[in-house]
């Protein structure tokens, strides 16, 4: 498989996980901490930092599983 396709698949997986995390956690955060919580800049940074960490970990795990199952070869 071309290396560019592996990169595109990795970015797509990252964005999908990030979107799912954002959709699920934004409602939880608003319900638990209130609507004003995400208006504070430091809290936004914490929220997006956790989103990036979860997305990166999920992408690494999925790419590893795809490599183990010989769907991707790199």
N, C-alpha and C. Protein backbone atom coordinates (compact mmCIF):
# COMPACT_ATOMS: atom_id res chain seq x y z
N UNK A 1 0.84 -1.17 0.00
CA UNK A 1 0.00 0.00 0.00
C UNK A 1 0.89 1.24 0.00
N UNK A 2 0.48 2.23 -0.76
CA UNK A 2 1.25 3.46 -0.78
C UNK A 2 1.29 4.09 0.60
N UNK A 3 2.41 4.72 0.92
CA UNK A 3 2.53 5.34 2.23
C UNK A 3 1.56 6.51 2.39
N UNK A 4 1.23 7.18 1.31
CA UNK A 4 0.30 8.31 1.41
C UNK A 4 -1.08 7.83 1.84
N UNK A 5 -1.48 6.64 1.39
CA UNK A 5 -2.78 6.10 1.78
C UNK A 5 -2.80 5.72 3.26
N UNK A 6 -1.70 5.25 3.76
CA UNK A 6 -1.61 4.92 5.19
C UNK A 6 -1.73 6.19 6.03
N UNK A 7 -1.09 7.25 5.58
CA UNK A 7 -1.18 8.53 6.28
C UNK A 7 -2.61 9.07 6.24
N UNK A 8 -3.25 8.98 5.07
CA UNK A 8 -4.63 9.45 4.93
C UNK A 8 -5.57 8.64 5.83
N UNK A 9 -5.38 7.32 5.89
CA UNK A 9 -6.20 6.47 6.75
C UNK A 9 -5.98 6.84 8.22
N UNK A 10 -4.74 7.07 8.60
CA UNK A 10 -4.43 7.47 9.98
C UNK A 10 -5.07 8.80 10.35
N UNK A 11 -5.00 9.77 9.46
CA UNK A 11 -5.61 11.08 9.73
C UNK A 11 -7.13 10.95 9.81
N UNK A 12 -7.72 10.15 8.92
CA UNK A 12 -9.17 9.95 8.94
C UNK A 12 -9.62 9.29 10.24
N UNK A 13 -8.89 8.28 10.69
CA UNK A 13 -9.22 7.62 11.96
C UNK A 13 -9.12 8.61 13.11
N UNK A 14 -8.06 9.42 13.12
CA UNK A 14 -7.86 10.42 14.16
C UNK A 14 -9.02 11.40 14.20
N UNK A 15 -9.43 11.90 13.05
CA UNK A 15 -10.51 12.88 13.00
C UNK A 15 -11.85 12.28 13.42
N UNK A 16 -12.10 11.04 13.03
CA UNK A 16 -13.35 10.38 13.42
C UNK A 16 -13.41 10.18 14.93
N UNK A 17 -12.32 9.70 15.52
CA UNK A 17 -12.28 9.50 16.97
C UNK A 17 -12.43 10.84 17.68
N UNK A 18 -11.76 11.87 17.16
CA UNK A 18 -11.84 13.20 17.76
C UNK A 18 -13.28 13.72 17.71
N UNK A 19 -13.96 13.55 16.60
CA UNK A 19 -15.34 14.00 16.47
C UNK A 19 -16.26 13.25 17.44
N UNK A 20 -16.09 11.93 17.53
CA UNK A 20 -16.90 11.14 18.45
C UNK A 20 -16.66 11.54 19.90
N UNK A 21 -15.41 11.77 20.26
CA UNK A 21 -15.06 12.21 21.62
C UNK A 21 -15.68 13.57 21.91
N UNK A 22 -15.56 14.48 20.96
CA UNK A 22 -16.11 15.83 21.13
C UNK A 22 -17.62 15.79 21.33
N UNK A 23 -18.31 15.02 20.48
CA UNK A 23 -19.77 14.95 20.57
C UNK A 23 -20.22 14.33 21.89
N UNK A 24 -19.53 13.31 22.33
CA UNK A 24 -19.96 12.64 23.55
C UNK A 24 -19.58 13.43 24.81
N UNK A 25 -18.43 14.04 24.83
CA UNK A 25 -17.97 14.72 26.03
C UNK A 25 -18.51 16.14 26.18
N UNK A 26 -18.84 16.82 25.09
CA UNK A 26 -19.32 18.19 25.21
C UNK A 26 -20.65 18.21 25.96
N UNK A 27 -21.54 17.29 25.66
CA UNK A 27 -22.80 17.22 26.39
C UNK A 27 -22.60 16.88 27.85
N UNK A 28 -21.68 15.97 28.12
CA UNK A 28 -21.38 15.59 29.50
C UNK A 28 -20.80 16.77 30.27
N UNK A 29 -19.89 17.51 29.67
CA UNK A 29 -19.25 18.64 30.34
C UNK A 29 -20.28 19.74 30.61
N UNK A 30 -21.14 20.03 29.64
CA UNK A 30 -22.17 21.06 29.85
C UNK A 30 -23.12 20.65 30.96
N UNK A 31 -23.48 19.38 31.00
CA UNK A 31 -24.41 18.90 32.02
C UNK A 31 -23.77 18.89 33.40
N UNK A 32 -22.53 18.48 33.48
CA UNK A 32 -21.86 18.35 34.77
C UNK A 32 -21.34 19.67 35.33
N UNK A 33 -20.75 20.49 34.48
CA UNK A 33 -20.07 21.70 34.96
C UNK A 33 -20.78 23.00 34.60
N UNK A 34 -21.78 22.94 33.74
CA UNK A 34 -22.50 24.15 33.34
C UNK A 34 -22.02 24.67 32.00
N UNK A 35 -22.86 25.51 31.40
CA UNK A 35 -22.53 26.03 30.06
C UNK A 35 -21.34 26.98 30.07
N UNK A 36 -21.11 27.67 31.16
CA UNK A 36 -20.03 28.67 31.21
C UNK A 36 -18.64 28.03 31.36
N UNK A 37 -18.60 26.76 31.70
CA UNK A 37 -17.31 26.11 31.96
C UNK A 37 -16.41 26.14 30.73
N UNK A 38 -16.98 25.89 29.54
CA UNK A 38 -16.17 25.87 28.33
C UNK A 38 -15.89 27.26 27.78
N UNK A 39 -16.42 28.31 28.39
CA UNK A 39 -16.12 29.67 27.95
C UNK A 39 -14.80 30.17 28.52
N UNK A 40 -14.29 29.52 29.53
CA UNK A 40 -13.01 29.90 30.12
C UNK A 40 -11.90 29.28 29.29
N UNK A 41 -10.91 30.10 28.91
CA UNK A 41 -9.88 29.68 27.97
C UNK A 41 -9.09 28.47 28.48
N UNK A 42 -8.74 28.46 29.74
CA UNK A 42 -7.95 27.35 30.30
C UNK A 42 -8.72 26.04 30.25
N UNK A 43 -10.02 26.10 30.46
CA UNK A 43 -10.83 24.88 30.40
C UNK A 43 -10.96 24.37 28.97
N UNK A 44 -11.02 25.29 28.01
CA UNK A 44 -11.06 24.87 26.60
C UNK A 44 -9.77 24.14 26.24
N UNK A 45 -8.65 24.67 26.70
CA UNK A 45 -7.36 24.03 26.42
C UNK A 45 -7.34 22.63 27.02
N UNK A 46 -7.80 22.50 28.25
CA UNK A 46 -7.83 21.18 28.89
C UNK A 46 -8.72 20.23 28.11
N UNK A 47 -9.89 20.69 27.67
CA UNK A 47 -10.83 19.86 26.93
C UNK A 47 -10.22 19.38 25.62
N UNK A 48 -9.62 20.28 24.85
CA UNK A 48 -9.05 19.89 23.56
C UNK A 48 -7.77 19.08 23.73
N UNK A 49 -7.02 19.33 24.79
CA UNK A 49 -5.83 18.52 25.05
C UNK A 49 -6.23 17.09 25.35
N UNK A 50 -7.26 16.90 26.15
CA UNK A 50 -7.72 15.54 26.43
C UNK A 50 -8.28 14.89 25.18
N UNK A 51 -8.93 15.67 24.33
CA UNK A 51 -9.46 15.15 23.07
C UNK A 51 -8.33 14.67 22.16
N UNK A 52 -7.27 15.43 22.09
CA UNK A 52 -6.13 15.04 21.25
C UNK A 52 -5.45 13.79 21.81
N UNK A 53 -5.29 13.70 23.12
CA UNK A 53 -4.68 12.52 23.73
C UNK A 53 -5.50 11.26 23.46
N UNK A 54 -6.81 11.35 23.65
CA UNK A 54 -7.68 10.19 23.42
C UNK A 54 -7.65 9.81 21.94
N UNK A 55 -7.72 10.78 21.06
CA UNK A 55 -7.72 10.51 19.62
C UNK A 55 -6.40 9.88 19.17
N UNK A 56 -5.30 10.38 19.71
CA UNK A 56 -3.99 9.82 19.35
C UNK A 56 -3.87 8.38 19.83
N UNK A 57 -4.27 8.13 21.07
CA UNK A 57 -4.21 6.76 21.59
C UNK A 57 -5.11 5.81 20.82
N UNK A 58 -6.32 6.26 20.50
CA UNK A 58 -7.23 5.43 19.72
C UNK A 58 -6.72 5.16 18.33
N UNK A 59 -6.11 6.16 17.70
CA UNK A 59 -5.56 5.99 16.35
C UNK A 59 -4.40 5.00 16.37
N UNK A 60 -3.53 5.12 17.35
CA UNK A 60 -2.40 4.18 17.46
C UNK A 60 -2.91 2.76 17.66
N UNK A 61 -3.89 2.60 18.52
CA UNK A 61 -4.46 1.27 18.78
C UNK A 61 -5.11 0.68 17.53
N UNK A 62 -5.92 1.46 16.84
CA UNK A 62 -6.59 0.96 15.64
C UNK A 62 -5.57 0.65 14.53
N UNK A 63 -4.59 1.52 14.34
CA UNK A 63 -3.57 1.26 13.31
C UNK A 63 -2.77 0.01 13.65
N UNK A 64 -2.47 -0.20 14.93
CA UNK A 64 -1.76 -1.40 15.35
C UNK A 64 -2.59 -2.66 15.08
N UNK A 65 -3.89 -2.58 15.39
CA UNK A 65 -4.77 -3.73 15.14
C UNK A 65 -4.91 -4.00 13.64
N UNK A 66 -4.96 -2.95 12.83
CA UNK A 66 -5.03 -3.14 11.38
C UNK A 66 -3.73 -3.74 10.85
N UNK A 67 -2.61 -3.37 11.43
CA UNK A 67 -1.33 -3.96 11.03
C UNK A 67 -1.26 -5.42 11.43
N UNK A 68 -1.72 -5.76 12.64
CA UNK A 68 -1.71 -7.15 13.10
C UNK A 68 -2.59 -8.05 12.24
N UNK A 69 -3.69 -7.51 11.77
CA UNK A 69 -4.61 -8.30 10.95
C UNK A 69 -4.24 -8.27 9.46
N UNK A 70 -3.11 -7.68 9.14
CA UNK A 70 -2.57 -7.60 7.77
C UNK A 70 -3.48 -6.86 6.81
N UNK A 71 -4.26 -5.91 7.33
CA UNK A 71 -5.05 -5.03 6.47
C UNK A 71 -4.14 -3.93 5.92
N UNK A 72 -3.28 -3.42 6.79
CA UNK A 72 -2.29 -2.42 6.40
C UNK A 72 -0.91 -3.03 6.47
N UNK A 73 -0.08 -2.67 5.52
CA UNK A 73 1.32 -3.13 5.55
C UNK A 73 2.22 -1.91 5.49
N UNK A 74 2.96 -1.70 6.55
CA UNK A 74 3.93 -0.60 6.59
C UNK A 74 5.08 -0.99 7.47
